N, C-alpha and C. Protein backbone atom coordinates (compact mmCIF):
# COMPACT_ATOMS: atom_id res chain seq x y z
N UNK A 1 109.38 -15.87 119.19
CA UNK A 1 110.38 -15.71 118.40
C UNK A 1 111.97 -15.32 118.93
N UNK A 2 112.82 -16.40 118.58
CA UNK A 2 114.23 -16.38 119.09
C UNK A 2 114.63 -14.79 118.85
N UNK A 3 115.03 -14.01 120.21
CA UNK A 3 116.03 -12.89 120.19
C UNK A 3 116.87 -13.06 119.04
N UNK A 4 117.87 -14.29 119.54
CA UNK A 4 119.45 -14.55 118.83
C UNK A 4 119.38 -14.34 117.32
N UNK A 5 118.03 -14.81 116.81
CA UNK A 5 117.72 -14.94 115.21
C UNK A 5 117.27 -13.66 114.71
N UNK A 6 116.77 -12.55 115.57
CA UNK A 6 116.15 -11.22 115.07
C UNK A 6 116.78 -10.19 115.34
N UNK A 7 117.75 -9.58 114.52
CA UNK A 7 118.52 -8.50 114.89
C UNK A 7 117.48 -7.17 115.02
N UNK A 8 116.42 -7.48 114.46
CA UNK A 8 115.42 -6.28 114.76
C UNK A 8 115.13 -6.09 116.03
N UNK A 9 115.20 -6.81 117.00
CA UNK A 9 114.41 -6.73 118.44
C UNK A 9 115.83 -5.87 119.19
N UNK A 10 117.06 -5.90 118.63
CA UNK A 10 118.05 -5.46 119.56
C UNK A 10 118.15 -4.15 118.94
N UNK A 11 117.82 -3.51 117.54
CA UNK A 11 117.43 -2.51 116.99
C UNK A 11 116.48 -1.53 117.51
N UNK A 12 115.52 -2.13 117.53
CA UNK A 12 114.30 -1.90 118.52
C UNK A 12 114.39 -1.31 119.60
N UNK A 13 115.01 -1.95 120.37
CA UNK A 13 115.55 -1.49 121.77
C UNK A 13 116.32 -0.53 121.91
N UNK A 14 117.47 -0.25 120.91
CA UNK A 14 118.18 0.86 120.93
C UNK A 14 117.40 2.07 120.67
N UNK A 15 116.40 1.94 119.76
CA UNK A 15 115.72 3.17 119.38
C UNK A 15 114.96 3.45 120.48
N UNK A 16 114.18 2.60 120.80
CA UNK A 16 113.33 2.74 122.12
C UNK A 16 114.16 3.94 123.31
N UNK A 17 115.24 3.28 123.45
CA UNK A 17 116.34 3.35 124.66
C UNK A 17 116.63 4.99 124.22
N UNK A 18 116.92 5.83 122.91
CA UNK A 18 117.23 6.70 122.48
C UNK A 18 115.98 7.63 122.53
N UNK A 19 114.88 7.00 122.36
CA UNK A 19 113.39 8.03 122.48
C UNK A 19 113.62 8.71 123.91
N UNK A 20 113.55 7.25 125.23
CA UNK A 20 113.70 7.45 126.20
C UNK A 20 114.70 8.53 126.58
N UNK A 21 115.99 8.26 126.14
CA UNK A 21 117.04 9.44 126.80
C UNK A 21 116.55 10.78 126.37
N UNK A 22 115.94 11.03 125.29
CA UNK A 22 115.31 12.61 124.75
C UNK A 22 114.21 12.84 125.81
N UNK A 23 113.46 11.89 126.08
CA UNK A 23 112.48 12.40 126.84
C UNK A 23 112.77 12.86 128.20
N UNK A 24 114.00 12.21 128.62
CA UNK A 24 114.41 12.46 130.01
C UNK A 24 115.03 13.53 130.02
N UNK A 25 115.86 13.89 128.72
CA UNK A 25 116.57 15.49 128.62
C UNK A 25 115.21 16.48 128.84
N UNK A 26 114.45 16.43 127.87
CA UNK A 26 113.42 17.17 128.11
C UNK A 26 112.80 17.47 129.52
N UNK A 27 112.10 16.37 130.01
CA UNK A 27 112.02 16.43 131.34
C UNK A 27 112.86 17.19 132.35
N UNK A 28 114.05 16.95 132.28
CA UNK A 28 115.07 17.23 132.97
C UNK A 28 115.31 19.03 132.87
N UNK A 29 114.85 19.27 131.46
CA UNK A 29 115.06 20.72 131.28
C UNK A 29 114.15 21.71 132.25
N UNK A 30 113.06 20.80 132.39
CA UNK A 30 111.88 21.51 132.87
C UNK A 30 111.67 21.45 134.37
N UNK A 31 112.66 20.99 135.18
CA UNK A 31 112.71 20.11 136.65
C UNK A 31 111.83 19.17 136.87
N UNK A 32 111.76 18.19 135.71
CA UNK A 32 110.49 17.15 135.81
C UNK A 32 109.55 17.57 136.39
N UNK A 33 108.96 18.85 135.91
CA UNK A 33 107.82 19.17 136.45
C UNK A 33 106.92 19.29 135.06
N UNK A 34 105.70 18.49 135.01
CA UNK A 34 105.03 18.64 133.69
C UNK A 34 104.34 20.08 133.43
N UNK A 35 104.19 20.54 134.84
CA UNK A 35 103.17 21.83 134.67
C UNK A 35 104.10 22.83 133.87
N UNK A 36 105.33 22.86 134.18
CA UNK A 36 106.23 23.86 133.56
C UNK A 36 106.44 23.62 132.23
N UNK A 37 106.08 22.18 131.40
CA UNK A 37 106.52 21.84 130.39
C UNK A 37 105.08 22.15 129.67
N UNK A 38 104.12 22.10 129.99
CA UNK A 38 103.07 22.10 129.54
C UNK A 38 102.78 23.78 129.56
N UNK A 39 102.76 24.80 130.15
CA UNK A 39 103.27 25.83 130.17
C UNK A 39 104.03 26.50 129.00
N UNK A 40 105.15 25.97 128.92
CA UNK A 40 106.17 26.71 128.15
C UNK A 40 105.69 25.99 126.56
N UNK A 41 104.74 24.98 126.48
CA UNK A 41 104.31 24.37 125.06
C UNK A 41 103.02 25.57 124.82
N UNK A 42 102.19 26.05 125.61
CA UNK A 42 101.36 26.58 125.59
C UNK A 42 101.79 28.20 125.38
N UNK A 43 103.10 28.46 125.40
CA UNK A 43 103.72 29.88 125.16
C UNK A 43 104.07 29.35 123.92
N UNK A 44 104.66 28.66 123.51
CA UNK A 44 105.12 28.32 122.02
C UNK A 44 103.84 28.15 121.00
N UNK A 45 102.55 27.87 121.74
CA UNK A 45 101.47 27.72 120.39
C UNK A 45 100.92 29.41 120.23
N UNK A 46 101.13 30.02 121.38
CA UNK A 46 100.75 31.56 121.18
C UNK A 46 101.49 32.37 120.44
N UNK A 47 103.37 31.88 120.32
CA UNK A 47 104.10 32.54 119.70
C UNK A 47 104.04 31.80 117.96
N UNK A 48 103.29 30.76 117.70
CA UNK A 48 103.40 30.29 116.39
C UNK A 48 101.92 29.53 115.96
N UNK A 49 100.95 30.63 116.11
CA UNK A 49 99.58 29.92 115.97
C UNK A 49 99.24 29.45 114.41
N UNK A 50 100.28 30.00 113.53
CA UNK A 50 100.16 29.16 112.15
C UNK A 50 100.54 27.61 112.07
N UNK A 51 101.36 27.10 112.84
CA UNK A 51 101.63 25.94 112.83
C UNK A 51 100.45 24.89 113.54
N UNK A 52 99.71 25.19 114.27
CA UNK A 52 98.43 24.55 114.93
C UNK A 52 97.77 24.20 113.90
N UNK A 53 97.19 22.72 114.26
CA UNK A 53 96.41 22.08 113.62
C UNK A 53 95.20 21.80 114.41
N UNK A 54 94.23 22.67 114.03
CA UNK A 54 92.89 22.61 114.70
C UNK A 54 92.25 20.94 115.18
N UNK A 55 91.65 21.13 116.31
CA UNK A 55 91.25 19.48 116.55
C UNK A 55 89.84 19.74 115.98
N UNK A 56 89.46 18.26 115.63
CA UNK A 56 88.25 18.05 115.43
C UNK A 56 87.02 18.17 116.38
N UNK A 57 85.91 18.31 116.14
CA UNK A 57 84.86 18.58 117.05
C UNK A 57 85.04 17.35 118.06
N UNK A 58 85.04 16.05 117.70
CA UNK A 58 84.99 14.96 118.92
C UNK A 58 86.32 15.08 119.55
N UNK A 59 87.56 15.93 119.22
CA UNK A 59 88.41 16.35 120.31
C UNK A 59 88.57 17.07 121.19
N UNK A 60 87.47 17.84 120.86
CA UNK A 60 87.60 19.18 121.90
C UNK A 60 86.79 18.83 123.05
N UNK A 61 87.51 19.14 123.97
CA UNK A 61 86.80 19.12 125.55
C UNK A 61 85.47 19.25 125.69
N UNK A 62 84.79 18.99 126.26
CA UNK A 62 83.57 19.42 126.64
C UNK A 62 82.31 19.61 125.48
N UNK A 63 82.68 19.22 124.32
CA UNK A 63 81.73 19.31 123.39
C UNK A 63 81.16 18.03 123.32
N UNK A 64 79.67 17.99 123.09
CA UNK A 64 79.11 16.91 122.91
C UNK A 64 79.29 16.14 121.64
N UNK A 65 79.42 14.85 121.74
CA UNK A 65 79.67 14.10 120.44
C UNK A 65 78.48 13.31 119.86
N UNK A 66 78.36 13.11 118.66
CA UNK A 66 77.08 12.85 118.25
C UNK A 66 77.14 11.31 118.40
N UNK A 67 75.79 10.99 118.42
CA UNK A 67 75.35 9.52 118.81
C UNK A 67 74.62 8.71 117.62
């Protein structure tokens, strides 16, 4: 597909760039340390358990899956 004829390609690239910028700012907020980010998210889970969606049995680590 010719990029010059399809303006949605440029629009898609702009959306991806915006998402990357937000992800970078979030990472920067936690010193680019994924452990700090996960610790923060785990604290949020404790503060708002009503907002959590339980995982299905197949998504739970260590649970045997049915064959």
